[in-house]
Amino acid sequence: TYLIALADMHPASDGANIGIQLGDSSGIDTGACDYGYYTQNLKDYETTYSAAVAEGSARILLPGDGVGNAAGEGVGAVIWLHRPGDGVTKPILSGHGIAVVGSGRITGGDFFAERTAVITVDRVLAKFDTGNIVSGRMTVWGLAHA
């Protein structure tokens, strides 16, 4: 099992959405049907709720849609990869995230997802759907089984 943390991720473009992709020795998988996910967001201290579902996508959309790029805005997430790199099941993931959006308010929620095929995962990429990452940190820990 692996724990992936995204901390203090700040986009170059306002209103960006963050996602992740997995890969193996051939590189990062970006095919239009490589991932399936369910992501939900609770928005802005209100009762506004949104969900995004994809049976086939080029990435896994994380909670925290519309991440702002002004001072004090950004996104963080904790992602669990529930399979060792050499496992026999499809890579499955779950986690949660929170963002300070363009309005300066927060949004966040939970997600679960899969890589739609069995691969030997040896890399992960986090990126915004528009623009670059100005700053932030991604850390990956491997949790050993006793």
C-alpha atoms as a PDB file:
ATOM      1  CA  THR A   1       0.000   0.000   0.000  1.00  0.00           C
ATOM      2  CA  TYR A   2       1.196   3.498  -0.790  1.00  0.00           C
ATOM      3  CA  LEU A   3       0.252   6.887   0.598  1.00  0.00           C
ATOM      4  CA  ILE A   4       0.575   9.858  -1.752  1.00  0.00           C
ATOM      5  CA  ALA A   5       0.321  13.364  -0.314  1.00  0.00           C
ATOM      6  CA  LEU A   6      -0.091  16.535  -2.337  1.00  0.00           C
ATOM      7  CA  ALA A   7       0.758  19.570  -0.221  1.00  0.00           C
ATOM      8  CA  ASP A   8       0.439  23.281  -0.981  1.00  0.00           C
ATOM      9  CA  MET A   9      -0.103  22.755  -4.726  1.00  0.00           C
ATOM     10  CA  HIS A  10      -0.523  26.156  -6.362  1.00  0.00           C
ATOM     11  CA  PRO A  11      -1.601  26.425 -10.041  1.00  0.00           C
ATOM     12  CA  ALA A  12      -0.417  28.975 -12.590  1.00  0.00           C
ATOM     13  CA  SER A  13      -3.965  29.250 -14.003  1.00  0.00           C
ATOM     14  CA  ASP A  14      -7.014  30.314 -11.979  1.00  0.00           C
ATOM     15  CA  GLY A  15      -9.894  27.840 -11.793  1.00  0.00           C
ATOM     16  CA  ALA A  16      -7.757  24.761 -12.514  1.00  0.00           C
ATOM     17  CA  ASN A  17      -8.695  21.205 -11.552  1.00  0.00           C
ATOM     18  CA  ILE A  18      -6.089  18.745 -10.303  1.00  0.00           C
ATOM     19  CA  GLY A  19      -5.837  15.110 -11.294  1.00  0.00           C
ATOM     20  CA  ILE A  20      -3.437  12.204 -11.131  1.00  0.00           C
ATOM     21  CA  GLN A  21      -2.222   9.573 -13.548  1.00  0.00           C
ATOM     22  CA  LEU A  22      -0.333   6.329 -12.968  1.00  0.00           C
ATOM     23  CA  GLY A  23       2.292   4.629 -15.049  1.00  0.00           C
ATOM     24  CA  ASP A  24       4.677   1.740 -15.490  1.00  0.00           C
ATOM     25  CA  SER A  25       8.033   1.253 -17.208  1.00  0.00           C
ATOM     26  CA  SER A  26       6.423   2.421 -20.484  1.00  0.00           C
ATOM     27  CA  GLY A  27       5.599   5.842 -18.981  1.00  0.00           C
ATOM     28  CA  ILE A  28       2.511   7.624 -17.656  1.00  0.00           C
ATOM     29  CA  ASP A  29      -0.817   6.248 -18.939  1.00  0.00           C
ATOM     30  CA  THR A  30      -2.871   8.987 -20.630  1.00  0.00           C
ATOM     31  CA  GLY A  31      -5.353   7.066 -22.783  1.00  0.00           C
ATOM     32  CA  ALA A  32      -8.928   8.334 -22.963  1.00  0.00           C
ATOM     33  CA  CYS A  33     -10.251   5.230 -21.145  1.00  0.00           C
ATOM     34  CA  ASP A  34      -7.354   4.455 -18.770  1.00  0.00           C
ATOM     35  CA  TYR A  35      -9.128   5.520 -15.543  1.00  0.00           C
ATOM     36  CA  GLY A  36     -12.499   5.365 -13.850  1.00  0.00           C
ATOM     37  CA  TYR A  37     -13.436   7.516 -10.864  1.00  0.00           C
ATOM     38  CA  TYR A  38     -16.128   8.943  -8.617  1.00  0.00           C
ATOM     39  CA  THR A  39     -15.303  12.302  -7.048  1.00  0.00           C
ATOM     40  CA  GLN A  40     -17.563  14.424  -4.852  1.00  0.00           C
ATOM     41  CA  ASN A  41     -17.159  18.019  -3.643  1.00  0.00           C
ATOM     42  CA  LEU A  42     -18.846  20.034  -0.931  1.00  0.00           C
ATOM     43  CA  LYS A  43     -18.494  23.704  -1.758  1.00  0.00           C
ATOM     44  CA  ASP A  44     -17.865  27.023  -0.087  1.00  0.00           C
ATOM     45  CA  TYR A  45     -19.358  26.613   3.408  1.00  0.00           C
ATOM     46  CA  GLU A  46     -22.715  25.995   1.770  1.00  0.00           C
ATOM     47  CA  THR A  47     -24.859  22.973   1.082  1.00  0.00           C
ATOM     48  CA  THR A  48     -23.780  22.967  -2.563  1.00  0.00           C
ATOM     49  CA  TYR A  49     -22.671  19.504  -3.654  1.00  0.00           C
ATOM     50  CA  SER A  50     -21.276  18.305  -6.949  1.00  0.00           C
ATOM     51  CA  ALA A  51     -20.060  14.961  -8.207  1.00  0.00           C
ATOM     52  CA  ALA A  52     -18.031  13.846 -11.179  1.00  0.00           C
ATOM     53  CA  VAL A  53     -18.132  10.299 -12.483  1.00  0.00           C
ATOM     54  CA  ALA A  54     -16.161   8.787 -15.350  1.00  0.00           C
ATOM     55  CA  GLU A  55     -16.045   5.200 -16.528  1.00  0.00           C
ATOM     56  CA  GLY A  56     -13.354   6.142 -19.023  1.00  0.00           C
ATOM     57  CA  SER A  57     -11.027   9.085 -18.562  1.00  0.00           C
ATOM     58  CA  ALA A  58      -7.442  10.138 -19.270  1.00  0.00           C
ATOM     59  CA  ARG A  59      -6.897  10.958 -15.569  1.00  0.00           C
ATOM     60  CA  ILE A  60      -8.379  10.675 -12.092  1.00  0.00           C
ATOM     61  CA  LEU A  61     -10.065  13.924 -11.090  1.00  0.00           C
ATOM     62  CA  LEU A  62      -9.377  14.801  -7.449  1.00  0.00           C
ATOM     63  CA  PRO A  63     -11.662  16.788  -5.121  1.00  0.00           C
ATOM     64  CA  GLY A  64     -11.192  20.542  -5.004  1.00  0.00           C
ATOM     65  CA  ASP A  65     -12.498  21.821  -8.324  1.00  0.00           C
ATOM     66  CA  GLY A  66     -11.743  25.347  -9.498  1.00  0.00           C
ATOM     67  CA  VAL A  67      -8.473  25.813  -7.597  1.00  0.00           C
ATOM     68  CA  GLY A  68      -7.509  29.467  -7.351  1.00  0.00           C
ATOM     69  CA  ASN A  69      -4.093  30.914  -8.150  1.00  0.00           C
ATOM     70  CA  ALA A  70      -4.183  34.064  -5.993  1.00  0.00           C
ATOM     71  CA  ALA A  71      -2.173  34.380  -2.772  1.00  0.00           C
ATOM     72  CA  GLY A  72      -3.496  31.915  -0.173  1.00  0.00           C
ATOM     73  CA  GLU A  73      -5.216  29.664  -2.731  1.00  0.00           C
ATOM     74  CA  GLY A  74      -4.204  26.114  -3.678  1.00  0.00           C
ATOM     75  CA  VAL A  75      -4.993  22.443  -3.095  1.00  0.00           C
ATOM     76  CA  GLY A  76      -3.893  19.491  -0.987  1.00  0.00           C
ATOM     77  CA  ALA A  77      -4.868  15.814  -1.038  1.00  0.00           C
ATOM     78  CA  VAL A  78      -4.186  12.458   0.568  1.00  0.00           C
ATOM     79  CA  ILE A  79      -4.389   9.499  -1.808  1.00  0.00           C
ATOM     80  CA  TRP A  80      -4.174   5.816  -0.923  1.00  0.00           C
ATOM     81  CA  LEU A  81      -3.002   3.372  -3.592  1.00  0.00           C
ATOM     82  CA  HIS A  82      -4.408   0.073  -2.297  1.00  0.00           C
ATOM     83  CA  ARG A  83      -2.157  -2.308  -4.167  1.00  0.00           C
ATOM     84  CA  PRO A  84       1.534  -3.112  -4.185  1.00  0.00           C
ATOM     85  CA  GLY A  85       3.396  -2.371  -7.390  1.00  0.00           C
ATOM     86  CA  ASP A  86       3.427  -6.062  -8.313  1.00  0.00           C
ATOM     87  CA  GLY A  87      -0.174  -6.820  -7.267  1.00  0.00           C
ATOM     88  CA  VAL A  88      -2.618  -8.876  -9.320  1.00  0.00           C
ATOM     89  CA  THR A  89      -5.673  -6.590  -9.084  1.00  0.00           C
ATOM     90  CA  LYS A  90      -6.225  -3.367 -10.966  1.00  0.00           C
ATOM     91  CA  PRO A  91      -4.663  -0.393  -9.195  1.00  0.00           C
ATOM     92  CA  ILE A  92      -7.408   1.036  -6.961  1.00  0.00           C
ATOM     93  CA  LEU A  93      -7.227   4.340  -5.121  1.00  0.00           C
ATOM     94  CA  SER A  94      -9.189   6.347  -2.577  1.00  0.00           C
ATOM     95  CA  GLY A  95      -8.682   9.556  -0.683  1.00  0.00           C
ATOM     96  CA  HIS A  96      -9.758  13.080  -0.045  1.00  0.00           C
ATOM     97  CA  GLY A  97      -8.727  16.597  -0.927  1.00  0.00           C
ATOM     98  CA  ILE A  98      -9.422  20.209  -0.138  1.00  0.00           C
ATOM     99  CA  ALA A  99      -8.820  23.397  -2.090  1.00  0.00           C
ATOM    100  CA  VAL A 100      -9.061  27.121  -1.692  1.00  0.00           C
ATOM    101  CA  VAL A 101     -10.855  28.125  -4.876  1.00  0.00           C
ATOM    102  CA  GLY A 102     -10.951  31.307  -6.951  1.00  0.00           C
ATOM    103  CA  SER A 103     -13.523  32.886  -4.628  1.00  0.00           C
ATOM    104  CA  GLY A 104     -11.117  32.453  -1.707  1.00  0.00           C
ATOM    105  CA  ARG A 105     -13.406  29.883  -0.071  1.00  0.00           C
ATOM    106  CA  ILE A 106     -12.872  26.161   0.434  1.00  0.00           C
ATOM    107  CA  THR A 107     -14.186  23.093  -1.347  1.00  0.00           C
ATOM    108  CA  GLY A 108     -13.300  19.480  -0.760  1.00  0.00           C
ATOM    109  CA  GLY A 109     -14.441  15.916  -0.646  1.00  0.00           C
ATOM    110  CA  ASP A 110     -13.671  12.275  -1.207  1.00  0.00           C
ATOM    111  CA  PHE A 111     -12.978  10.081  -4.209  1.00  0.00           C
ATOM    112  CA  PHE A 112     -12.387   6.501  -5.241  1.00  0.00           C
ATOM    113  CA  ALA A 113     -10.877   5.394  -8.524  1.00  0.00           C
ATOM    114  CA  GLU A 114      -9.188   2.705 -10.584  1.00  0.00           C
ATOM    115  CA  ARG A 115      -6.684   2.240 -13.363  1.00  0.00           C
ATOM    116  CA  THR A 116      -8.896   0.247 -15.715  1.00  0.00           C
ATOM    117  CA  ALA A 117      -6.199  -2.330 -16.518  1.00  0.00           C
ATOM    118  CA  VAL A 118      -3.712  -4.263 -14.434  1.00  0.00           C
ATOM    119  CA  ILE A 119      -0.304  -2.578 -14.653  1.00  0.00           C
ATOM    120  CA  THR A 120       2.855  -2.694 -12.559  1.00  0.00           C
ATOM    121  CA  VAL A 121       2.657   0.816 -11.105  1.00  0.00           C
ATOM    122  CA  ASP A 122       6.048   2.444 -10.652  1.00  0.00           C
ATOM    123  CA  ARG A 123       5.171   6.130 -11.103  1.00  0.00           C
ATOM    124  CA  VAL A 124       2.470   8.695 -10.383  1.00  0.00           C
ATOM    125  CA  LEU A 125       1.934  12.156 -11.873  1.00  0.00           C
ATOM    126  CA  ALA A 126      -0.135  14.998 -10.406  1.00  0.00           C
ATOM    127  CA  LYS A 127      -1.013  17.911 -12.664  1.00  0.00           C
ATOM    128  CA  PHE A 128      -3.592  20.623 -13.259  1.00  0.00           C
ATOM    129  CA  ASP A 129      -5.864  20.469 -16.306  1.00  0.00           C
ATOM    130  CA  THR A 130      -4.668  23.916 -17.379  1.00  0.00           C
ATOM    131  CA  GLY A 131      -1.368  25.688 -16.826  1.00  0.00           C
ATOM    132  CA  ASN A 132       1.560  24.523 -14.749  1.00  0.00           C
ATOM    133  CA  ILE A 133       2.197  23.869 -11.072  1.00  0.00           C
ATOM    134  CA  VAL A 134       3.827  27.003  -9.646  1.00  0.00           C
ATOM    135  CA  SER A 135       4.709  25.418  -6.309  1.00  0.00           C
ATOM    136  CA  GLY A 136       3.866  22.486  -4.082  1.00  0.00           C
ATOM    137  CA  ARG A 137       5.086  19.102  -3.046  1.00  0.00           C
ATOM    138  CA  MET A 138       4.141  15.508  -3.771  1.00  0.00           C
ATOM    139  CA  THR A 139       5.397  12.859  -1.347  1.00  0.00           C
ATOM    140  CA  VAL A 140       4.983   9.093  -1.731  1.00  0.00           C
ATOM    141  CA  TRP A 141       5.407   6.647   1.143  1.00  0.00           C
ATOM    142  CA  GLY A 142       5.375   2.867   0.912  1.00  0.00           C
ATOM    143  CA  LEU A 143       3.686   1.151   3.858  1.00  0.00           C
ATOM    144  CA  ALA A 144       5.206  -2.235   4.599  1.00  0.00           C
ATOM    145  CA  HIS A 145       3.082  -5.197   5.629  1.00  0.00           C
ATOM    146  CA  ALA A 146       4.232  -6.745   8.897  1.00  0.00           C
END
